[in-house]
Amino acid sequence: MQIKATIAVLLLCAFFLPAIHSAYNDTELPPPLPPTQESPLLARALYSDGLPVQNSAIVLLIRANNSDTVIRTITDANGRFLLQLPQGAHDIDAILDLPLTPGIDFASTTSALSYSGSNATLIFYPSGSLSGRVLSDGAPVPSARVRISCPSNTFDYARINGVTEVEAGPAGEFMFRALPSGSCTASAYTGTLANSTDIQIKAGQTTSASISIAPKASLADSPRQNSDLPVLFFAVFGAIALIFIIYLAISGKLPAQPKSWQQKTKSAASSARKSGKPRKQIPAHGSQSAAAANAVDAHSFSSQKVSAVLSTLSEREGEILKFLLHNGGRAKSGHLAHKLLIPKTSVRRNLRSLERKNIIKIEPFGRNLLASVKKEILQ
């Protein structure tokens, strides 16, 4: 009997052992994922007038590597807050919505690099919201396209809203959550209808607007009829002026162009060399020519000073300084990058180098840097 019992136990173990092993493998936990490297980013929120955003709840949308993360945080008495972000570059959009107002009150956009010991500053500018409808002859126009345009350098409202063009809903309704306060233009159109209207966005308020669209042909006819008369007048006037200039040129009655003082000086020097007489000196005072000479000398000194400064710079730094001088002595970093076809990071690096050399002054200007040539260089 004992032998039979032992054999039965062995057979049962052989039967259930594979099932027990399989069940154990199914419940085994997968290997842990490698930890993500994160770094603290110390940020500070300031209003556009430089005051800190004290003890306020702000909402942040952080974009990095094609992923969006929404974070809600509260600033301290100095407007500071701490973010724990993966290392790398991030686009940060933020809104400050006060509970007592119907619209988004302040908005900010910036970019930051997260690494050990990094920091960022968010400048919050006044903003408002826009709610409206698209109508045609008083009836709503569903699925119309609505585009918003605001001439403002405060914050990137396209990033805050996600788009600058939306599709109207079934009742022709549309909404833009955060726009810079001031004048904006809203345009609506379909395949055959279109129109636009100017709208004043008020800080902390939700502005309501209706866009009445009409057939595109009728919109195009009205301004053309109003502009026919001035266009015709200038065309006739230009033709008469051209005929008169051609007549004077053919008849030889065009007035001779007066020589400049440089041409007169060169002519006098050439005549003196030919005749062997010494060149007549221009008097230092009491004549218009002397004043012109002094002005040119000052200009020549200024050019020499700029040339001396340019000789100490790299090729890219020289391009930036020349553009600033031709642009009234100041320009934004984004404008420099666009006009000179230089990457933004390279523009900022060269601007910092020029600042260290005491040639320009840099001030923050929204998402840009405002570079100004120092007076010592312009004098």
Protein backbone atom coordinates (compact mmCIF):
# COMPACT_ATOMS: atom_id res chain seq x y z
CA MET A 1 0.00 0.00 0.00
CA GLN A 2 2.81 2.41 0.83
CA ILE A 3 4.45 1.74 -2.52
CA LYS A 4 1.19 2.47 -4.36
CA ALA A 5 0.67 5.71 -2.38
CA THR A 6 4.20 6.87 -3.20
CA ILE A 7 3.71 6.17 -6.88
CA ALA A 8 0.41 8.10 -6.85
CA VAL A 9 2.06 11.15 -5.21
CA LEU A 10 4.88 11.11 -7.77
CA LEU A 11 2.40 10.94 -10.66
CA LEU A 12 0.41 13.88 -9.24
CA CYS A 13 3.60 15.95 -8.85
CA ALA A 14 4.66 15.19 -12.42
CA PHE A 15 1.21 16.26 -13.66
CA PHE A 16 0.89 19.55 -11.75
CA LEU A 17 4.55 20.70 -11.78
CA PRO A 18 4.47 22.31 -15.30
CA ALA A 19 1.25 24.20 -14.45
CA ILE A 20 2.72 25.51 -11.19
CA HIS A 21 5.92 26.62 -12.96
CA SER A 22 3.93 28.43 -15.70
CA ALA A 23 1.75 30.24 -13.15
CA TYR A 24 4.85 31.38 -11.24
CA ASN A 25 6.40 32.79 -14.42
CA ASP A 26 3.17 34.66 -15.29
CA THR A 27 3.08 36.47 -11.96
CA GLU A 28 6.75 37.44 -12.09
CA LEU A 29 7.17 41.27 -12.27
CA PRO A 30 8.84 42.78 -15.39
CA PRO A 31 12.30 44.33 -14.97
CA PRO A 32 12.17 47.94 -13.69
CA LEU A 33 12.55 50.80 -16.18
CA PRO A 34 15.72 52.88 -15.96
CA PRO A 35 15.13 56.09 -13.93
CA THR A 36 14.63 59.35 -15.84
CA GLN A 37 17.30 61.97 -15.20
CA GLU A 38 15.58 65.03 -13.82
CA SER A 39 16.96 68.35 -12.59
CA PRO A 40 15.42 71.09 -10.47
CA LEU A 41 14.62 74.34 -12.32
CA LEU A 42 14.31 77.40 -10.09
CA ALA A 43 11.87 79.79 -11.77
CA ARG A 44 10.64 83.26 -10.88
CA ALA A 45 7.40 84.91 -12.03
CA LEU A 46 7.40 88.69 -12.55
CA TYR A 47 4.83 91.14 -13.87
CA SER A 48 5.83 93.28 -16.85
CA ASP A 49 6.57 96.19 -14.49
CA GLY A 50 9.14 94.09 -12.60
CA LEU A 51 7.05 93.33 -9.49
CA PRO A 52 6.96 89.68 -8.33
CA VAL A 53 3.84 87.54 -8.79
CA GLN A 54 3.32 86.95 -5.07
CA ASN A 55 1.55 83.92 -3.59
CA SER A 56 -0.45 83.25 -6.75
CA ALA A 57 -1.66 80.06 -8.39
CA ILE A 58 -0.33 79.74 -11.95
CA VAL A 59 -0.88 77.04 -14.57
CA LEU A 60 2.07 75.97 -16.70
CA LEU A 61 2.12 74.01 -19.95
CA ILE A 62 5.58 72.56 -20.53
CA ARG A 63 6.46 71.21 -23.97
CA ALA A 64 9.51 69.02 -24.58
CA ASN A 65 10.24 66.17 -27.02
CA ASN A 66 6.74 66.34 -28.57
CA SER A 67 5.05 65.85 -25.18
CA ASP A 68 2.97 68.30 -23.12
CA THR A 69 2.82 68.42 -19.35
CA VAL A 70 0.41 70.59 -17.33
CA ILE A 71 1.65 71.71 -13.91
CA ARG A 72 -0.22 73.79 -11.34
CA THR A 73 1.90 75.54 -8.73
CA ILE A 74 1.86 78.48 -6.31
CA THR A 75 4.54 81.17 -6.17
CA ASP A 76 6.08 82.38 -2.93
CA ALA A 77 6.31 85.98 -1.65
CA ASN A 78 9.14 86.68 -4.13
CA GLY A 79 7.36 85.06 -7.09
CA ARG A 80 9.63 81.99 -7.02
CA PHE A 81 8.69 78.34 -7.54
CA LEU A 82 10.55 75.09 -8.20
CA LEU A 83 10.03 72.69 -11.12
CA GLN A 84 11.41 69.17 -11.39
CA LEU A 85 11.94 68.60 -15.13
CA PRO A 86 13.85 66.16 -17.33
CA GLN A 87 17.17 67.53 -18.45
CA GLY A 88 17.06 69.39 -21.78
CA ALA A 89 15.26 72.26 -23.52
CA HIS A 90 11.66 73.14 -22.66
CA ASP A 91 9.06 75.61 -23.93
CA ILE A 92 7.11 76.98 -20.95
CA ASP A 93 3.71 78.67 -21.34
CA ALA A 94 1.98 80.04 -18.24
CA ILE A 95 -1.31 81.76 -17.39
CA LEU A 96 -2.46 83.58 -14.28
CA ASP A 97 -6.25 83.60 -13.96
CA LEU A 98 -7.65 85.66 -11.10
CA PRO A 99 -10.94 84.23 -9.78
CA LEU A 100 -12.77 87.59 -9.71
CA THR A 101 -12.43 88.32 -13.46
CA PRO A 102 -14.10 86.51 -16.40
CA GLY A 103 -11.02 86.36 -18.66
CA ILE A 104 -7.41 85.19 -18.45
CA ASP A 105 -5.63 88.06 -16.66
CA PHE A 106 -1.93 87.47 -17.41
CA ALA A 107 0.10 85.21 -19.70
CA SER A 108 3.74 84.40 -20.26
CA THR A 109 5.85 82.35 -22.69
CA THR A 110 9.53 81.51 -22.42
CA SER A 111 12.10 78.81 -23.16
CA ALA A 112 14.48 77.29 -20.64
CA LEU A 113 17.19 74.67 -20.31
CA SER A 114 16.84 72.28 -17.38
CA TYR A 115 20.11 71.14 -15.85
CA SER A 116 21.77 71.18 -12.45
CA GLY A 117 21.52 74.68 -11.00
CA SER A 118 19.47 76.14 -13.89
CA ASN A 119 16.91 78.93 -13.51
CA ALA A 120 14.31 80.76 -15.61
CA THR A 121 12.27 83.96 -15.46
CA LEU A 122 8.64 84.22 -16.62
CA ILE A 123 7.39 87.72 -17.48
CA PHE A 124 3.59 87.95 -17.18
CA TYR A 125 1.86 90.47 -19.46
CA PRO A 126 -1.78 91.65 -19.29
CA SER A 127 -4.10 89.48 -21.37
CA GLY A 128 -7.77 88.92 -22.06
CA SER A 129 -10.06 86.42 -23.76
CA LEU A 130 -12.14 86.65 -26.94
CA SER A 131 -15.49 84.97 -27.50
CA GLY A 132 -17.49 85.55 -30.67
CA ARG A 133 -19.72 84.27 -33.48
CA VAL A 134 -19.50 84.25 -37.25
CA LEU A 135 -22.70 85.45 -38.96
CA SER A 136 -23.95 85.97 -42.48
CA ASP A 137 -27.14 88.03 -42.90
CA GLY A 138 -27.77 87.44 -39.18
CA ALA A 139 -27.54 83.64 -39.43
CA PRO A 140 -24.67 81.66 -37.86
CA VAL A 141 -22.05 80.21 -40.19
CA PRO A 142 -20.85 76.84 -38.85
CA SER A 143 -17.39 75.54 -39.77
CA ALA A 144 -16.16 79.00 -40.83
CA ARG A 145 -12.44 79.55 -40.31
CA VAL A 146 -11.53 82.31 -37.82
CA ARG A 147 -8.04 83.80 -37.66
CA ILE A 148 -6.69 86.19 -35.00
CA SER A 149 -3.78 88.61 -35.41
CA CYS A 150 -2.40 90.83 -32.61
CA PRO A 151 0.56 93.19 -33.32
CA SER A 152 2.23 92.56 -29.94
CA ASN A 153 5.65 91.42 -28.74
CA THR A 154 4.55 90.63 -25.19
CA PHE A 155 3.98 86.87 -25.27
CA ASP A 156 3.48 84.18 -27.92
CA TYR A 157 -0.32 84.02 -28.02
CA ALA A 158 -0.19 81.36 -30.76
CA ARG A 159 1.59 79.01 -28.32
CA ILE A 160 -0.76 79.85 -25.46
CA ASN A 161 -3.86 79.11 -27.57
CA GLY A 162 -2.24 76.30 -29.52
CA VAL A 163 -3.24 77.92 -32.85
CA THR A 164 -3.99 81.31 -34.42
CA GLU A 165 -6.85 79.91 -36.51
CA VAL A 166 -9.84 77.90 -35.31
CA GLU A 167 -13.00 76.42 -36.84
CA ALA A 168 -16.30 77.90 -35.77
CA GLY A 169 -18.72 75.56 -34.03
CA PRO A 170 -22.26 74.55 -35.06
CA ALA A 171 -23.65 77.93 -33.94
CA GLY A 172 -20.76 79.87 -35.53
CA GLU A 173 -19.09 80.30 -32.14
CA PHE A 174 -15.33 80.58 -31.56
CA MET A 175 -13.03 81.24 -28.60
CA PHE A 176 -9.45 82.38 -27.97
CA ARG A 177 -8.47 81.96 -24.31
CA ALA A 178 -5.47 84.30 -23.90
CA LEU A 179 -4.62 87.25 -26.16
CA PRO A 180 -2.40 90.29 -25.44
CA SER A 181 -4.39 93.30 -24.29
CA GLY A 182 -4.76 95.95 -26.98
CA SER A 183 -5.86 96.00 -30.60
CA CYS A 184 -6.32 92.71 -32.49
CA THR A 185 -7.87 91.81 -35.85
CA ALA A 186 -10.22 88.85 -36.21
CA SER A 187 -10.86 87.51 -39.73
CA ALA A 188 -13.45 84.93 -40.76
CA TYR A 189 -13.87 83.23 -44.12
CA THR A 190 -15.38 80.34 -46.01
CA GLY A 191 -15.06 79.35 -49.64
CA THR A 192 -17.21 82.29 -50.83
CA LEU A 193 -17.61 84.56 -47.78
CA ALA A 194 -15.09 86.66 -45.87
CA ASN A 195 -14.67 89.72 -43.65
CA SER A 196 -12.57 91.03 -40.75
CA THR A 197 -13.04 93.36 -37.81
CA ASP A 198 -10.81 95.18 -35.30
CA ILE A 199 -11.29 94.22 -31.66
CA GLN A 200 -9.98 95.78 -28.43
CA ILE A 201 -8.86 93.10 -25.97
CA LYS A 202 -9.21 94.27 -22.35
CA ALA A 203 -7.05 92.86 -19.56
CA GLY A 204 -8.88 90.31 -17.44
CA GLN A 205 -12.06 90.57 -19.54
CA THR A 206 -13.76 88.34 -22.10
CA THR A 207 -14.51 90.48 -25.14
CA SER A 208 -17.56 89.48 -27.19
CA ALA A 209 -17.55 90.11 -30.94
CA SER A 210 -19.53 89.18 -34.03
CA ILE A 211 -17.98 88.90 -37.48
CA SER A 212 -20.47 89.45 -40.30
CA ILE A 213 -19.09 87.88 -43.47
CA ALA A 214 -20.31 88.70 -46.97
CA PRO A 215 -19.59 87.49 -50.53
CA LYS A 216 -15.95 88.16 -51.41
CA ALA A 217 -16.81 89.88 -54.73
CA SER A 218 -18.85 92.62 -53.04
CA LEU A 219 -16.08 93.21 -50.51
CA ALA A 220 -13.54 93.60 -53.30
CA ASP A 221 -15.64 96.02 -55.38
CA SER A 222 -16.09 98.70 -52.72
CA PRO A 223 -12.46 99.65 -52.06
CA ARG A 224 -11.62 99.48 -55.78
CA GLN A 225 -14.30 102.08 -56.60
CA ASN A 226 -13.03 104.40 -53.87
CA SER A 227 -9.41 104.10 -55.03
CA ASP A 228 -9.94 104.71 -58.79
CA LEU A 229 -9.74 108.52 -58.56
CA PRO A 230 -6.42 108.90 -56.64
CA VAL A 231 -4.75 106.20 -58.73
CA LEU A 232 -5.82 107.93 -61.95
CA PHE A 233 -4.63 111.31 -60.63
CA PHE A 234 -1.13 110.06 -59.76
CA ALA A 235 -0.84 108.21 -63.06
CA VAL A 236 -1.64 111.38 -65.06
CA PHE A 237 0.64 113.54 -62.89
CA GLY A 238 3.53 111.08 -63.26
CA ALA A 239 3.11 110.94 -67.05
CA ILE A 240 3.16 114.76 -67.32
CA ALA A 241 6.26 115.00 -65.10
CA LEU A 242 8.07 112.35 -67.15
CA ILE A 243 7.26 114.11 -70.44
CA PHE A 244 8.51 117.44 -69.01
CA ILE A 245 11.82 115.89 -67.85
CA ILE A 246 12.37 114.26 -71.26
CA TYR A 247 11.71 117.62 -72.96
CA LEU A 248 14.26 119.41 -70.76
CA ALA A 249 16.85 116.69 -71.39
CA ILE A 250 16.40 116.87 -75.17
CA SER A 251 16.49 120.69 -75.26
CA GLY A 252 19.54 120.82 -72.98
CA LYS A 253 17.80 123.00 -70.40
CA LEU A 254 18.30 120.74 -67.44
CA PRO A 255 20.06 122.70 -64.65
CA ALA A 256 23.64 121.64 -64.05
CA GLN A 257 24.14 119.79 -60.82
CA PRO A 258 26.18 121.94 -58.41
CA LYS A 259 29.50 120.57 -57.40
CA SER A 260 29.93 119.44 -53.86
CA TRP A 261 32.64 121.03 -51.73
CA GLN A 262 34.71 117.83 -52.10
CA GLN A 263 34.55 118.09 -55.89
CA LYS A 264 35.47 121.78 -55.75
CA THR A 265 38.43 121.04 -53.49
CA LYS A 266 39.67 118.26 -55.78
CA SER A 267 39.26 120.53 -58.83
CA ALA A 268 41.18 123.35 -57.15
CA ALA A 269 43.98 121.01 -56.11
CA SER A 270 44.23 119.61 -59.65
CA SER A 271 44.41 123.14 -61.13
CA ALA A 272 47.06 124.13 -58.60
CA ARG A 273 49.23 121.14 -59.50
CA LYS A 274 48.97 121.92 -63.21
CA SER A 275 49.84 125.62 -62.76
CA GLY A 276 52.56 124.99 -60.18
CA LYS A 277 50.88 127.30 -57.66
CA PRO A 278 50.48 126.24 -54.04
CA ARG A 279 47.03 124.99 -53.06
CA LYS A 280 44.83 127.58 -51.43
CA GLN A 281 44.09 126.65 -47.80
CA ILE A 282 40.52 126.68 -46.56
CA PRO A 283 40.16 129.21 -43.70
CA ALA A 284 39.55 127.65 -40.27
CA HIS A 285 36.71 130.00 -39.32
CA GLY A 286 34.17 132.31 -40.85
CA SER A 287 33.11 130.41 -43.95
CA GLN A 288 30.60 127.78 -44.93
CA SER A 289 33.34 125.61 -46.46
CA ALA A 290 35.25 125.55 -43.16
CA ALA A 291 32.13 124.38 -41.33
CA ALA A 292 31.62 121.63 -43.89
CA ALA A 293 35.26 120.58 -43.53
CA ASN A 294 34.94 120.40 -39.75
CA ALA A 295 31.77 118.30 -40.07
CA VAL A 296 33.51 115.88 -42.41
CA ASP A 297 36.47 115.63 -40.05
CA ALA A 298 34.11 114.67 -37.22
CA HIS A 299 32.46 112.08 -39.42
CA SER A 300 35.88 110.74 -40.44
CA PHE A 301 36.91 110.47 -36.76
CA SER A 302 33.70 108.57 -35.98
CA SER A 303 34.29 106.19 -38.89
CA GLN A 304 37.87 105.60 -37.80
CA LYS A 305 36.68 104.81 -34.28
CA VAL A 306 34.11 102.32 -35.55
CA SER A 307 36.69 100.78 -37.87
CA ALA A 308 39.08 100.39 -34.96
CA VAL A 309 36.40 98.64 -32.92
CA LEU A 310 35.44 96.38 -35.84
CA SER A 311 39.06 95.34 -36.32
CA THR A 312 39.03 93.74 -32.87
CA LEU A 313 35.87 91.68 -33.48
CA SER A 314 35.20 88.33 -35.08
CA GLU A 315 33.45 88.21 -38.43
CA ARG A 316 30.03 87.44 -36.92
CA GLU A 317 30.39 90.05 -34.17
CA GLY A 318 31.31 92.59 -36.84
CA GLU A 319 28.18 91.73 -38.87
CA ILE A 320 25.99 92.24 -35.81
CA LEU A 321 27.61 95.58 -34.88
CA LYS A 322 27.33 96.88 -38.46
CA PHE A 323 23.63 95.95 -38.56
CA LEU A 324 23.02 97.70 -35.23
CA LEU A 325 24.76 100.87 -36.48
CA HIS A 326 22.68 100.88 -39.69
CA ASN A 327 19.50 100.20 -37.67
CA GLY A 328 19.69 103.26 -35.45
CA GLY A 329 21.96 101.67 -32.87
CA ARG A 330 19.53 99.08 -31.51
CA ALA A 331 17.66 95.90 -32.49
CA LYS A 332 16.06 92.79 -30.98
CA SER A 333 17.88 89.48 -31.05
CA GLY A 334 15.06 87.86 -33.05
CA HIS A 335 15.25 90.65 -35.67
CA LEU A 336 19.03 90.19 -35.93
CA ALA A 337 18.64 86.42 -36.41
CA HIS A 338 15.99 86.95 -39.12
CA LYS A 339 17.83 89.66 -41.06
CA LEU A 340 21.35 88.21 -40.81
CA LEU A 341 20.24 84.56 -41.25
CA ILE A 342 22.08 83.60 -38.05
CA PRO A 343 20.74 81.01 -35.55
CA LYS A 344 19.19 82.56 -32.46
CA THR A 345 21.60 80.78 -30.13
CA SER A 346 24.57 82.13 -32.10
CA VAL A 347 23.10 85.66 -32.04
CA ARG A 348 22.69 85.53 -28.25
CA ARG A 349 26.21 84.18 -27.77
CA ASN A 350 27.76 86.93 -29.89
CA LEU A 351 25.64 89.61 -28.19
CA ARG A 352 26.94 88.43 -24.81
CA SER A 353 30.48 88.63 -26.17
CA LEU A 354 29.93 92.20 -27.42
CA GLU A 355 28.46 93.11 -24.03
CA ARG A 356 31.53 91.76 -22.23
CA LYS A 357 33.71 93.89 -24.55
CA ASN A 358 31.72 96.98 -23.40
CA ILE A 359 30.48 97.69 -26.94
CA ILE A 360 26.72 97.12 -26.51
CA LYS A 361 24.16 97.00 -23.72
CA ILE A 362 21.63 94.13 -23.49
CA GLU A 363 18.20 94.34 -21.90
CA PRO A 364 15.45 91.67 -21.73
CA PHE A 365 12.54 92.37 -24.12
CA GLY A 366 9.85 89.70 -23.82
CA ARG A 367 11.27 86.51 -25.33
CA ASN A 368 14.00 88.55 -27.04
CA LEU A 369 17.05 90.52 -25.99
CA LEU A 370 17.20 94.22 -26.91
CA ALA A 371 20.76 95.17 -27.94
CA SER A 372 21.82 98.84 -27.98
CA VAL A 373 25.19 100.22 -29.08
CA LYS A 374 26.77 102.22 -26.27
CA LYS A 375 27.03 105.98 -26.68
CA GLU A 376 30.82 105.83 -26.46
CA ILE A 377 30.91 103.93 -29.75
CA LEU A 378 28.44 106.25 -31.52
CA GLN A 379 30.22 109.46 -30.46
